[in-house]
PDB file of all heavy atoms in Angstrom:
ATOM      1  N   PRO A   1     126.508 150.185 -59.525  1.00  0.00           N
ATOM      2  CA  PRO A   1     126.847 150.825 -60.802  1.00  0.00           C
ATOM      3  C   PRO A   1     128.064 150.177 -61.465  1.00  0.00           C
ATOM      4  O   PRO A   1     128.093 150.012 -62.691  1.00  0.00           O
ATOM      5  CB  PRO A   1     127.143 152.273 -60.417  1.00  0.00           C
ATOM      6  CG  PRO A   1     126.409 152.488 -59.139  1.00  0.00           C
ATOM      7  CD  PRO A   1     126.426 151.154 -58.431  1.00  0.00           C
ATOM      8  N   GLU A   2     129.062 149.774 -60.669  1.00  0.00           N
ATOM      9  CA  GLU A   2     130.250 149.150 -61.258  1.00  0.00           C
ATOM     10  C   GLU A   2     129.940 147.778 -61.848  1.00  0.00           C
ATOM     11  O   GLU A   2     130.594 147.333 -62.790  1.00  0.00           O
ATOM     12  CB  GLU A   2     131.407 149.078 -60.255  1.00  0.00           C
ATOM     13  CG  GLU A   2     131.150 148.250 -59.017  1.00  0.00           C
ATOM     14  CD  GLU A   2     130.597 149.028 -57.830  1.00  0.00           C
ATOM     15  OE1 GLU A   2     129.851 150.001 -58.028  1.00  0.00           O
ATOM     16  OE2 GLU A   2     130.906 148.643 -56.693  1.00  0.00           O
ATOM     17  N   MET A   3     128.904 147.100 -61.328  1.00  0.00           N
ATOM     18  CA  MET A   3     128.499 145.813 -61.906  1.00  0.00           C
ATOM     19  C   MET A   3     127.809 146.056 -63.253  1.00  0.00           C
ATOM     20  O   MET A   3     128.083 145.357 -64.234  1.00  0.00           O
ATOM     21  CB  MET A   3     127.579 145.061 -60.944  1.00  0.00           C
ATOM     22  CG  MET A   3     127.226 143.676 -61.399  1.00  0.00           C
ATOM     23  SD  MET A   3     128.708 142.630 -61.523  1.00  0.00           S
ATOM     24  CE  MET A   3     127.967 141.098 -61.995  1.00  0.00           C
ATOM     25  N   LYS A   4     126.949 147.049 -63.307  1.00  0.00           N
ATOM     26  CA  LYS A   4     126.302 147.395 -64.585  1.00  0.00           C
ATOM     27  C   LYS A   4     127.353 147.760 -65.631  1.00  0.00           C
ATOM     28  O   LYS A   4     127.264 147.344 -66.786  1.00  0.00           O
ATOM     29  CB  LYS A   4     125.334 148.561 -64.406  1.00  0.00           C
ATOM     30  CG  LYS A   4     124.053 148.219 -63.730  1.00  0.00           C
ATOM     31  CD  LYS A   4     123.171 149.454 -63.703  1.00  0.00           C
ATOM     32  CE  LYS A   4     121.849 149.208 -63.060  1.00  0.00           C
ATOM     33  NZ  LYS A   4     121.004 150.415 -63.052  1.00  0.00           N
ATOM     34  N   GLU A   5     128.328 148.557 -65.230  1.00  0.00           N
ATOM     35  CA  GLU A   5     129.377 148.983 -66.158  1.00  0.00           C
ATOM     36  C   GLU A   5     130.180 147.798 -66.667  1.00  0.00           C
ATOM     37  O   GLU A   5     130.516 147.717 -67.849  1.00  0.00           O
ATOM     38  CB  GLU A   5     130.290 150.000 -65.473  1.00  0.00           C
ATOM     39  CG  GLU A   5     131.282 150.639 -66.405  1.00  0.00           C
ATOM     40  CD  GLU A   5     130.638 151.372 -67.569  1.00  0.00           C
ATOM     41  OE1 GLU A   5     129.578 151.999 -67.403  1.00  0.00           O
ATOM     42  OE2 GLU A   5     131.200 151.308 -68.680  1.00  0.00           O
ATOM     43  N   LEU A   6     130.494 146.866 -65.779  1.00  0.00           N
ATOM     44  CA  LEU A   6     131.253 145.675 -66.168  1.00  0.00           C
ATOM     45  C   LEU A   6     130.471 144.849 -67.189  1.00  0.00           C
ATOM     46  O   LEU A   6     131.029 144.370 -68.176  1.00  0.00           O
ATOM     47  CB  LEU A   6     131.574 144.837 -64.920  1.00  0.00           C
ATOM     48  CG  LEU A   6     132.434 143.605 -65.089  1.00  0.00           C
ATOM     49  CD1 LEU A   6     131.763 142.365 -65.516  1.00  0.00           C
ATOM     50  CD2 LEU A   6     133.758 143.875 -65.641  1.00  0.00           C
ATOM     51  N   LEU A   7     129.167 144.685 -66.966  1.00  0.00           N
ATOM     52  CA  LEU A   7     128.339 143.927 -67.908  1.00  0.00           C
ATOM     53  C   LEU A   7     128.333 144.606 -69.282  1.00  0.00           C
ATOM     54  O   LEU A   7     128.443 143.939 -70.316  1.00  0.00           O
ATOM     55  CB  LEU A   7     126.922 143.769 -67.367  1.00  0.00           C
ATOM     56  CG  LEU A   7     126.794 142.922 -66.098  1.00  0.00           C
ATOM     57  CD1 LEU A   7     125.376 142.984 -65.554  1.00  0.00           C
ATOM     58  CD2 LEU A   7     127.221 141.486 -66.348  1.00  0.00           C
ATOM     59  N   LYS A   8     128.236 145.915 -69.293  1.00  0.00           N
ATOM     60  CA  LYS A   8     128.271 146.650 -70.562  1.00  0.00           C
ATOM     61  C   LYS A   8     129.631 146.506 -71.231  1.00  0.00           C
ATOM     62  O   LYS A   8     129.720 146.332 -72.447  1.00  0.00           O
ATOM     63  CB  LYS A   8     127.920 148.118 -70.338  1.00  0.00           C
ATOM     64  CG  LYS A   8     126.462 148.308 -69.974  1.00  0.00           C
ATOM     65  CD  LYS A   8     126.138 149.759 -69.693  1.00  0.00           C
ATOM     66  CE  LYS A   8     124.689 149.901 -69.267  1.00  0.00           C
ATOM     67  NZ  LYS A   8     124.354 151.289 -68.962  1.00  0.00           N
ATOM     68  N   GLU A   9     130.705 146.575 -70.445  1.00  0.00           N
ATOM     69  CA  GLU A   9     132.054 146.384 -70.979  1.00  0.00           C
ATOM     70  C   GLU A   9     132.200 144.990 -71.613  1.00  0.00           C
ATOM     71  O   GLU A   9     132.888 144.827 -72.615  1.00  0.00           O
ATOM     72  CB  GLU A   9     133.080 146.532 -69.850  1.00  0.00           C
ATOM     73  CG  GLU A   9     134.516 146.301 -70.266  1.00  0.00           C
ATOM     74  CD  GLU A   9     135.455 146.295 -69.066  1.00  0.00           C
ATOM     75  OE1 GLU A   9     135.209 147.049 -68.110  1.00  0.00           O
ATOM     76  OE2 GLU A   9     136.431 145.519 -69.097  1.00  0.00           O
ATOM     77  N   ALA A  10     131.513 144.023 -71.033  1.00  0.00           N
ATOM     78  CA  ALA A  10     131.555 142.657 -71.555  1.00  0.00           C
ATOM     79  C   ALA A  10     130.715 142.497 -72.825  1.00  0.00           C
ATOM     80  O   ALA A  10     130.722 141.436 -73.450  1.00  0.00           O
ATOM     81  CB  ALA A  10     131.067 141.676 -70.487  1.00  0.00           C
ATOM     82  N   GLY A  11     129.994 143.563 -73.208  1.00  0.00           N
ATOM     83  CA  GLY A  11     129.161 143.501 -74.405  1.00  0.00           C
ATOM     84  C   GLY A  11     127.786 142.912 -74.158  1.00  0.00           C
ATOM     85  O   GLY A  11     127.075 142.557 -75.089  1.00  0.00           O
ATOM     86  N   ILE A  12     127.401 142.825 -72.888  1.00  0.00           N
ATOM     87  CA  ILE A  12     126.112 142.231 -72.526  1.00  0.00           C
ATOM     88  C   ILE A  12     125.018 143.285 -72.619  1.00  0.00           C
ATOM     89  O   ILE A  12     125.157 144.399 -72.118  1.00  0.00           O
ATOM     90  CB  ILE A  12     126.188 141.628 -71.111  1.00  0.00           C
ATOM     91  CG1 ILE A  12     127.137 140.429 -71.137  1.00  0.00           C
ATOM     92  CG2 ILE A  12     124.811 141.240 -70.602  1.00  0.00           C
ATOM     93  CD1 ILE A  12     127.454 139.849 -69.782  1.00  0.00           C
ATOM     94  N   CYS A  13     123.911 142.908 -73.267  1.00  0.00           N
ATOM     95  CA  CYS A  13     122.756 143.794 -73.391  1.00  0.00           C
ATOM     96  C   CYS A  13     121.478 142.961 -73.361  1.00  0.00           C
ATOM     97  O   CYS A  13     121.525 141.727 -73.423  1.00  0.00           O
ATOM     98  CB  CYS A  13     122.839 144.626 -74.665  1.00  0.00           C
ATOM     99  SG  CYS A  13     122.879 143.649 -76.171  1.00  0.00           S
ATOM    100  N   ASN A  14     120.362 143.641 -73.286  1.00  0.00           N
ATOM    101  CA  ASN A  14     119.060 142.964 -73.241  1.00  0.00           C
ATOM    102  C   ASN A  14     119.052 141.854 -72.194  1.00  0.00           C
ATOM    103  O   ASN A  14     118.600 140.744 -72.447  1.00  0.00           O
ATOM    104  CB  ASN A  14     118.658 142.423 -74.615  1.00  0.00           C
ATOM    105  CG  ASN A  14     118.447 143.524 -75.617  1.00  0.00           C
ATOM    106  OD1 ASN A  14     117.934 144.591 -75.283  1.00  0.00           O
ATOM    107  ND2 ASN A  14     118.867 143.304 -76.836  1.00  0.00           N
ATOM    108  N   TYR A  15     119.547 142.173 -71.011  1.00  0.00           N
ATOM    109  CA  TYR A  15     119.685 141.211 -69.922  1.00  0.00           C
ATOM    110  C   TYR A  15     118.406 141.214 -69.091  1.00  0.00           C
ATOM    111  O   TYR A  15     117.967 142.260 -68.621  1.00  0.00           O
ATOM    112  CB  TYR A  15     120.882 141.604 -69.057  1.00  0.00           C
ATOM    113  CG  TYR A  15     121.376 140.545 -68.087  1.00  0.00           C
ATOM    114  CD1 TYR A  15     122.587 140.715 -67.447  1.00  0.00           C
ATOM    115  CD2 TYR A  15     120.661 139.398 -67.798  1.00  0.00           C
ATOM    116  CE1 TYR A  15     123.083 139.778 -66.557  1.00  0.00           C
ATOM    117  CE2 TYR A  15     121.139 138.452 -66.918  1.00  0.00           C
ATOM    118  CZ  TYR A  15     122.347 138.652 -66.296  1.00  0.00           C
ATOM    119  OH  TYR A  15     122.821 137.723 -65.416  1.00  0.00           O
ATOM    120  N   SER A  16     117.821 140.046 -68.915  1.00  0.00           N
ATOM    121  CA  SER A  16     116.656 139.924 -68.044  1.00  0.00           C
ATOM    122  C   SER A  16     116.767 138.643 -67.232  1.00  0.00           C
ATOM    123  O   SER A  16     117.407 137.678 -67.647  1.00  0.00           O
ATOM    124  CB  SER A  16     115.353 139.948 -68.856  1.00  0.00           C
ATOM    125  OG  SER A  16     115.337 138.903 -69.804  1.00  0.00           O
ATOM    126  N   ILE A  17     116.170 138.683 -66.049  1.00  0.00           N
ATOM    127  CA  ILE A  17     116.130 137.522 -65.170  1.00  0.00           C
ATOM    128  C   ILE A  17     114.671 137.270 -64.819  1.00  0.00           C
ATOM    129  O   ILE A  17     113.939 138.206 -64.460  1.00  0.00           O
ATOM    130  CB  ILE A  17     116.959 137.749 -63.890  1.00  0.00           C
ATOM    131  CG1 ILE A  17     118.420 138.036 -64.236  1.00  0.00           C
ATOM    132  CG2 ILE A  17     116.854 136.524 -62.961  1.00  0.00           C
ATOM    133  CD1 ILE A  17     119.284 138.440 -63.051  1.00  0.00           C
ATOM    134  N   TRP A  18     114.266 136.011 -64.923  1.00  0.00           N
ATOM    135  CA  TRP A  18     112.887 135.606 -64.673  1.00  0.00           C
ATOM    136  C   TRP A  18     112.853 134.662 -63.478  1.00  0.00           C
ATOM    137  O   TRP A  18     113.793 133.892 -63.265  1.00  0.00           O
ATOM    138  CB  TRP A  18     112.322 134.902 -65.909  1.00  0.00           C
ATOM    139  CG  TRP A  18     112.383 135.765 -67.124  1.00  0.00           C
ATOM    140  CD1 TRP A  18     113.461 135.982 -67.931  1.00  0.00           C
ATOM    141  CD2 TRP A  18     111.339 136.548 -67.670  1.00  0.00           C
ATOM    142  NE1 TRP A  18     113.147 136.855 -68.937  1.00  0.00           N
ATOM    143  CE2 TRP A  18     111.840 137.209 -68.807  1.00  0.00           C
ATOM    144  CE3 TRP A  18     110.007 136.750 -67.303  1.00  0.00           C
ATOM    145  CZ2 TRP A  18     111.069 138.058 -69.581  1.00  0.00           C
ATOM    146  CZ3 TRP A  18     109.237 137.592 -68.081  1.00  0.00           C
ATOM    147  CH2 TRP A  18     109.758 138.243 -69.205  1.00  0.00           C
ATOM    148  N   LEU A  19     111.755 134.707 -62.729  1.00  0.00           N
ATOM    149  CA  LEU A  19     111.593 133.885 -61.540  1.00  0.00           C
ATOM    150  C   LEU A  19     110.270 133.139 -61.599  1.00  0.00           C
ATOM    151  O   LEU A  19     109.227 133.727 -61.879  1.00  0.00           O
ATOM    152  CB  LEU A  19     111.631 134.788 -60.297  1.00  0.00           C
ATOM    153  CG  LEU A  19     111.384 134.140 -58.943  1.00  0.00           C
ATOM    154  CD1 LEU A  19     112.514 133.169 -58.586  1.00  0.00           C
ATOM    155  CD2 LEU A  19     111.251 135.209 -57.863  1.00  0.00           C
ATOM    156  N   THR A  20     110.317 131.831 -61.344  1.00  0.00           N
ATOM    157  CA  THR A  20     109.109 131.035 -61.185  1.00  0.00           C
ATOM    158  C   THR A  20     109.342 130.096 -60.007  1.00  0.00           C
ATOM    159  O   THR A  20     110.308 129.317 -60.026  1.00  0.00           O
ATOM    160  CB  THR A  20     108.732 130.257 -62.471  1.00  0.00           C
ATOM    161  OG1 THR A  20     107.537 129.506 -62.230  1.00  0.00           O
ATOM    162  CG2 THR A  20     109.831 129.340 -62.949  1.00  0.00           C
ATOM    163  N   GLY A  21     108.528 130.220 -58.979  1.00  0.00           N
ATOM    164  CA  GLY A  21     108.781 129.460 -57.756  1.00  0.00           C
ATOM    165  C   GLY A  21     110.147 129.856 -57.217  1.00  0.00           C
ATOM    166  O   GLY A  21     110.412 131.028 -56.978  1.00  0.00           O
ATOM    167  N   ASP A  22     111.027 128.874 -57.054  1.00  0.00           N
ATOM    168  CA  ASP A  22     112.391 129.144 -56.604  1.00  0.00           C
ATOM    169  C   ASP A  22     113.388 129.160 -57.758  1.00  0.00           C
ATOM    170  O   ASP A  22     114.578 129.365 -57.539  1.00  0.00           O
ATOM    171  CB  ASP A  22     112.845 128.079 -55.591  1.00  0.00           C
ATOM    172  CG  ASP A  22     112.115 128.197 -54.270  1.00  0.00           C
ATOM    173  OD1 ASP A  22     111.589 129.287 -53.973  1.00  0.00           O
ATOM    174  OD2 ASP A  22     112.064 127.203 -53.532  1.00  0.00           O
ATOM    175  N   GLU A  23     112.918 128.915 -58.968  1.00  0.00           N
ATOM    176  CA  GLU A  23     113.820 128.819 -60.122  1.00  0.00           C
ATOM    177  C   GLU A  23     114.015 130.160 -60.805  1.00  0.00           C
ATOM    178  O   GLU A  23     113.066 130.886 -61.057  1.00  0.00           O
ATOM    179  CB  GLU A  23     113.263 127.818 -61.134  1.00  0.00           C
ATOM    180  CG  GLU A  23     113.238 126.395 -60.614  1.00  0.00           C
ATOM    181  CD  GLU A  23     112.665 125.437 -61.643  1.00  0.00           C
ATOM    182  OE1 GLU A  23     113.168 125.450 -62.790  1.00  0.00           O
ATOM    183  OE2 GLU A  23     111.730 124.708 -61.305  1.00  0.00           O
ATOM    184  N   LEU A  24     115.268 130.450 -61.121  1.00  0.00           N
ATOM    185  CA  LEU A  24     115.642 131.649 -61.861  1.00  0.00           C
ATOM    186  C   LEU A  24     116.068 131.253 -63.265  1.00  0.00           C
ATOM    187  O   LEU A  24     116.704 130.213 -63.456  1.00  0.00           O
ATOM    188  CB  LEU A  24     116.832 132.340 -61.197  1.00  0.00           C
ATOM    189  CG  LEU A  24     116.595 132.959 -59.834  1.00  0.00           C
ATOM    190  CD1 LEU A  24     117.922 133.228 -59.148  1.00  0.00           C
ATOM    191  CD2 LEU A  24     115.778 134.232 -59.972  1.00  0.00           C
ATOM    192  N   PHE A  25     115.724 132.094 -64.223  1.00  0.00           N
ATOM    193  CA  PHE A  25     116.185 131.925 -65.595  1.00  0.00           C
ATOM    194  C   PHE A  25     116.686 133.274 -66.068  1.00  0.00           C
ATOM    195  O   PHE A  25     115.970 134.272 -66.004  1.00  0.00           O
ATOM    196  CB  PHE A  25     115.046 131.440 -66.499  1.00  0.00           C
ATOM    197  CG  PHE A  25     115.414 131.436 -67.954  1.00  0.00           C
ATOM    198  CD1 PHE A  25     116.187 130.421 -68.484  1.00  0.00           C
ATOM    199  CD2 PHE A  25     115.016 132.471 -68.785  1.00  0.00           C
ATOM    200  CE1 PHE A  25     116.549 130.420 -69.823  1.00  0.00           C
ATOM    201  CE2 PHE A  25     115.368 132.481 -70.128  1.00  0.00           C
ATOM    202  CZ  PHE A  25     116.137 131.456 -70.642  1.00  0.00           C
ATOM    203  N   GLY A  26     117.941 133.319 -66.490  1.00  0.00           N
ATOM    204  CA  GLY A  26     118.518 134.559 -66.986  1.00  0.00           C
ATOM    205  C   GLY A  26     118.811 134.458 -68.471  1.00  0.00           C
ATOM    206  O   GLY A  26     119.143 133.386 -68.980  1.00  0.00           O
ATOM    207  N   TYR A  27     118.666 135.575 -69.157  1.00  0.00           N
ATOM    208  CA  TYR A  27     118.920 135.628 -70.596  1.00  0.00           C
ATOM    209  C   TYR A  27     119.581 136.950 -70.923  1.00  0.00           C
ATOM    210  O   TYR A  27     119.190 138.001 -70.405  1.00  0.00           O
ATOM    211  CB  TYR A  27     117.611 135.524 -71.382  1.00  0.00           C
ATOM    212  CG  TYR A  27     117.773 135.865 -72.845  1.00  0.00           C
ATOM    213  CD1 TYR A  27     118.181 134.903 -73.755  1.00  0.00           C
ATOM    214  CD2 TYR A  27     117.560 137.167 -73.305  1.00  0.00           C
ATOM    215  CE1 TYR A  27     118.355 135.222 -75.099  1.00  0.00           C
ATOM    216  CE2 TYR A  27     117.736 137.491 -74.650  1.00  0.00           C
ATOM    217  CZ  TYR A  27     118.133 136.522 -75.530  1.00  0.00           C
ATOM    218  OH  TYR A  27     118.317 136.832 -76.853  1.00  0.00           O
ATOM    219  N   TYR A  28     120.618 136.898 -71.759  1.00  0.00           N
ATOM    220  CA  TYR A  28     121.194 138.130 -72.285  1.00  0.00           C
ATOM    221  C   TYR A  28     121.789 137.899 -73.656  1.00  0.00           C
ATOM    222  O   TYR A  28     121.986 136.775 -74.092  1.00  0.00           O
ATOM    223  CB  TYR A  28     122.218 138.763 -71.337  1.00  0.00           C
ATOM    224  CG  TYR A  28     123.392 137.919 -70.904  1.00  0.00           C
ATOM    225  CD1 TYR A  28     124.497 137.714 -71.724  1.00  0.00           C
ATOM    226  CD2 TYR A  28     123.426 137.366 -69.633  1.00  0.00           C
ATOM    227  CE1 TYR A  28     125.597 136.981 -71.295  1.00  0.00           C
ATOM    228  CE2 TYR A  28     124.521 136.635 -69.197  1.00  0.00           C
ATOM    229  CZ  TYR A  28     125.599 136.453 -70.026  1.00  0.00           C
ATOM    230  OH  TYR A  28     126.690 135.733 -69.598  1.00  0.00           O
ATOM    231  N   GLU A  29     122.039 139.012 -74.333  1.00  0.00           N
ATOM    232  CA  GLU A  29     122.657 138.982 -75.648  1.00  0.00           C
ATOM    233  C   GLU A  29     124.059 139.547 -75.526  1.00  0.00           C
ATOM    234  O   GLU A  29     124.324 140.409 -74.677  1.00  0.00           O
ATOM    235  CB  GLU A  29     121.812 139.792 -76.637  1.00  0.00           C
ATOM    236  CG  GLU A  29     120.452 139.159 -76.827  1.00  0.00           C
ATOM    237  CD  GLU A  29     119.474 140.014 -77.606  1.00  0.00           C
ATOM    238  OE1 GLU A  29     119.798 141.175 -77.940  1.00  0.00           O
ATOM    239  OE2 GLU A  29     118.373 139.522 -77.883  1.00  0.00           O
ATOM    240  N   CYS A  30     124.962 139.036 -76.354  1.00  0.00           N
ATOM    241  CA  CYS A  30     126.384 139.401 -76.274  1.00  0.00           C
ATOM    242  C   CYS A  30     126.820 140.073 -77.565  1.00  0.00           C
ATOM    243  O   CYS A  30     126.975 139.411 -78.595  1.00  0.00           O
ATOM    244  CB  CYS A  30     127.229 138.157 -76.027  1.00  0.00           C
ATOM    245  SG  CYS A  30     126.720 137.213 -74.594  1.00  0.00           S
ATOM    246  N   ARG A  31     127.014 141.373 -77.511  1.00  0.00           N
ATOM    247  CA  ARG A  31     127.427 142.135 -78.698  1.00  0.00           C
ATOM    248  C   ARG A  31     128.800 141.731 -79.207  1.00  0.00           C
ATOM    249  O   ARG A  31     129.080 141.817 -80.385  1.00  0.00           O
ATOM    250  CB  ARG A  31     127.436 143.621 -78.387  1.00  0.00           C
ATOM    251  CG  ARG A  31     126.064 144.163 -78.181  1.00  0.00           C
ATOM    252  CD  ARG A  31     126.047 145.651 -78.104  1.00  0.00           C
ATOM    253  NE  ARG A  31     124.639 146.015 -78.160  1.00  0.00           N
ATOM    254  CZ  ARG A  31     124.109 146.988 -77.477  1.00  0.00           C
ATOM    255  NH1 ARG A  31     124.838 147.727 -76.709  1.00  0.00           N
ATOM    256  NH2 ARG A  31     122.830 147.241 -77.563  1.00  0.00           N
ATOM    257  N   LYS A  32     129.669 141.296 -78.295  1.00  0.00           N
ATOM    258  CA  LYS A  32     131.038 140.925 -78.664  1.00  0.00           C
ATOM    259  C   LYS A  32     131.255 139.416 -78.588  1.00  0.00           C
ATOM    260  O   LYS A  32     132.388 138.963 -78.638  1.00  0.00           O
ATOM    261  CB  LYS A  32     132.025 141.647 -77.751  1.00  0.00           C
ATOM    262  CG  LYS A  32     131.903 143.158 -77.817  1.00  0.00           C
ATOM    263  CD  LYS A  32     132.822 143.837 -76.823  1.00  0.00           C
ATOM    264  CE  LYS A  32     132.637 145.340 -76.841  1.00  0.00           C
ATOM    265  NZ  LYS A  32     133.494 146.003 -75.838  1.00  0.00           N
ATOM    266  N   GLY A  33     130.174 138.661 -78.463  1.00  0.00           N
ATOM    267  CA  GLY A  33     130.262 137.200 -78.409  1.00  0.00           C
ATOM    268  C   GLY A  33     130.298 136.675 -76.982  1.00  0.00           C
ATOM    269  O   GLY A  33     130.719 137.366 -76.054  1.00  0.00           O
ATOM    270  N   THR A  34     129.844 135.438 -76.824  1.00  0.00           N
ATOM    271  CA  THR A  34     129.777 134.837 -75.500  1.00  0.00           C
ATOM    272  C   THR A  34     131.162 134.587 -74.909  1.00  0.00           C
ATOM    273  O   THR A  34     131.345 134.696 -73.700  1.00  0.00           O
ATOM    274  CB  THR A  34     128.978 133.525 -75.517  1.00  0.00           C
ATOM    275  OG1 THR A  34     129.553 132.632 -76.478  1.00  0.00           O
ATOM    276  CG2 THR A  34     127.523 133.751 -75.863  1.00  0.00           C
ATOM    277  N   GLU A  35     132.142 134.279 -75.744  1.00  0.00           N
ATOM    278  CA  GLU A  35     133.499 134.047 -75.223  1.00  0.00           C
ATOM    279  C   GLU A  35     134.075 135.327 -74.625  1.00  0.00           C
ATOM    280  O   GLU A  35     134.701 135.296 -73.564  1.00  0.00           O
ATOM    281  CB  GLU A  35     134.414 133.499 -76.309  1.00  0.00           C
ATOM    282  CG  GLU A  35     134.133 132.043 -76.643  1.00  0.00           C
ATOM    283  CD  GLU A  35     135.122 131.476 -77.645  1.00  0.00           C
ATOM    284  OE1 GLU A  35     136.242 132.011 -77.775  1.00  0.00           O
ATOM    285  OE2 GLU A  35     134.768 130.480 -78.305  1.00  0.00           O
ATOM    286  N   HIS A  36     133.881 136.458 -75.301  1.00  0.00           N
ATOM    287  CA  HIS A  36     134.358 137.736 -74.773  1.00  0.00           C
ATOM    288  C   HIS A  36     133.648 138.068 -73.465  1.00  0.00           C
ATOM    289  O   HIS A  36     134.289 138.472 -72.483  1.00  0.00           O
ATOM    290  CB  HIS A  36     134.134 138.858 -75.790  1.00  0.00           C
ATOM    291  CG  HIS A  36     134.483 140.209 -75.258  1.00  0.00           C
ATOM    292  ND1 HIS A  36     135.784 140.653 -75.168  1.00  0.00           N
ATOM    293  CD2 HIS A  36     133.704 141.202 -74.759  1.00  0.00           C
ATOM    294  CE1 HIS A  36     135.796 141.863 -74.645  1.00  0.00           C
ATOM    295  NE2 HIS A  36     134.552 142.222 -74.393  1.00  0.00           N
ATOM    296  N   ALA A  37     132.324 137.895 -73.440  1.00  0.00           N
ATOM    297  CA  ALA A  37     131.553 138.189 -72.231  1.00  0.00           C
ATOM    298  C   ALA A  37     132.039 137.339 -71.060  1.00  0.00           C
ATOM    299  O   ALA A  37     132.217 137.838 -69.948  1.00  0.00           O
ATOM    300  CB  ALA A  37     130.066 137.962 -72.480  1.00  0.00           C
ATOM    301  N   ALA A  38     132.276 136.066 -71.314  1.00  0.00           N
ATOM    302  CA  ALA A  38     132.752 135.167 -70.254  1.00  0.00           C
ATOM    303  C   ALA A  38     134.139 135.573 -69.773  1.00  0.00           C
ATOM    304  O   ALA A  38     134.417 135.577 -68.572  1.00  0.00           O
ATOM    305  CB  ALA A  38     132.754 133.727 -70.753  1.00  0.00           C
ATOM    306  N   ALA A  39     135.020 135.934 -70.698  1.00  0.00           N
ATOM    307  CA  ALA A  39     136.388 136.307 -70.336  1.00  0.00           C
ATOM    308  C   ALA A  39     136.421 137.575 -69.485  1.00  0.00           C
ATOM    309  O   ALA A  39     137.153 137.655 -68.495  1.00  0.00           O
ATOM    310  CB  ALA A  39     137.244 136.482 -71.586  1.00  0.00           C
ATOM    311  N   VAL A  40     135.631 138.574 -69.855  1.00  0.00           N
ATOM    312  CA  VAL A  40     135.595 139.824 -69.095  1.00  0.00           C
ATOM    313  C   VAL A  40     135.065 139.558 -67.685  1.00  0.00           C
ATOM    314  O   VAL A  40     135.619 140.047 -66.697  1.00  0.00           O
ATOM    315  CB  VAL A  40     134.737 140.887 -69.818  1.00  0.00           C
ATOM    316  CG1 VAL A  40     134.483 142.095 -68.927  1.00  0.00           C
ATOM    317  CG2 VAL A  40     135.411 141.316 -71.115  1.00  0.00           C
ATOM    318  N   GLN A  41     134.021 138.754 -67.589  1.00  0.00           N
ATOM    319  CA  GLN A  41     133.444 138.454 -66.280  1.00  0.00           C
ATOM    320  C   GLN A  41     134.391 137.609 -65.427  1.00  0.00           C
ATOM    321  O   GLN A  41     134.526 137.841 -64.223  1.00  0.00           O
ATOM    322  CB  GLN A  41     132.107 137.740 -66.429  1.00  0.00           C
ATOM    323  CG  GLN A  41     131.032 138.643 -67.026  1.00  0.00           C
ATOM    324  CD  GLN A  41     129.750 137.900 -67.235  1.00  0.00           C
ATOM    325  OE1 GLN A  41     128.950 137.777 -66.321  1.00  0.00           O
ATOM    326  NE2 GLN A  41     129.565 137.370 -68.439  1.00  0.00           N
TER     327      GLN A  41
END
């Protein structure tokens, strides 16, 4: 729960992770911008 809360605090939403074989692809949107999301994380 604290990880979910941190992601929300960072402005991250619509977060999904996809898997094909051994490869992962993650995508999310940043309500407060990617720089803010990176700084909070």
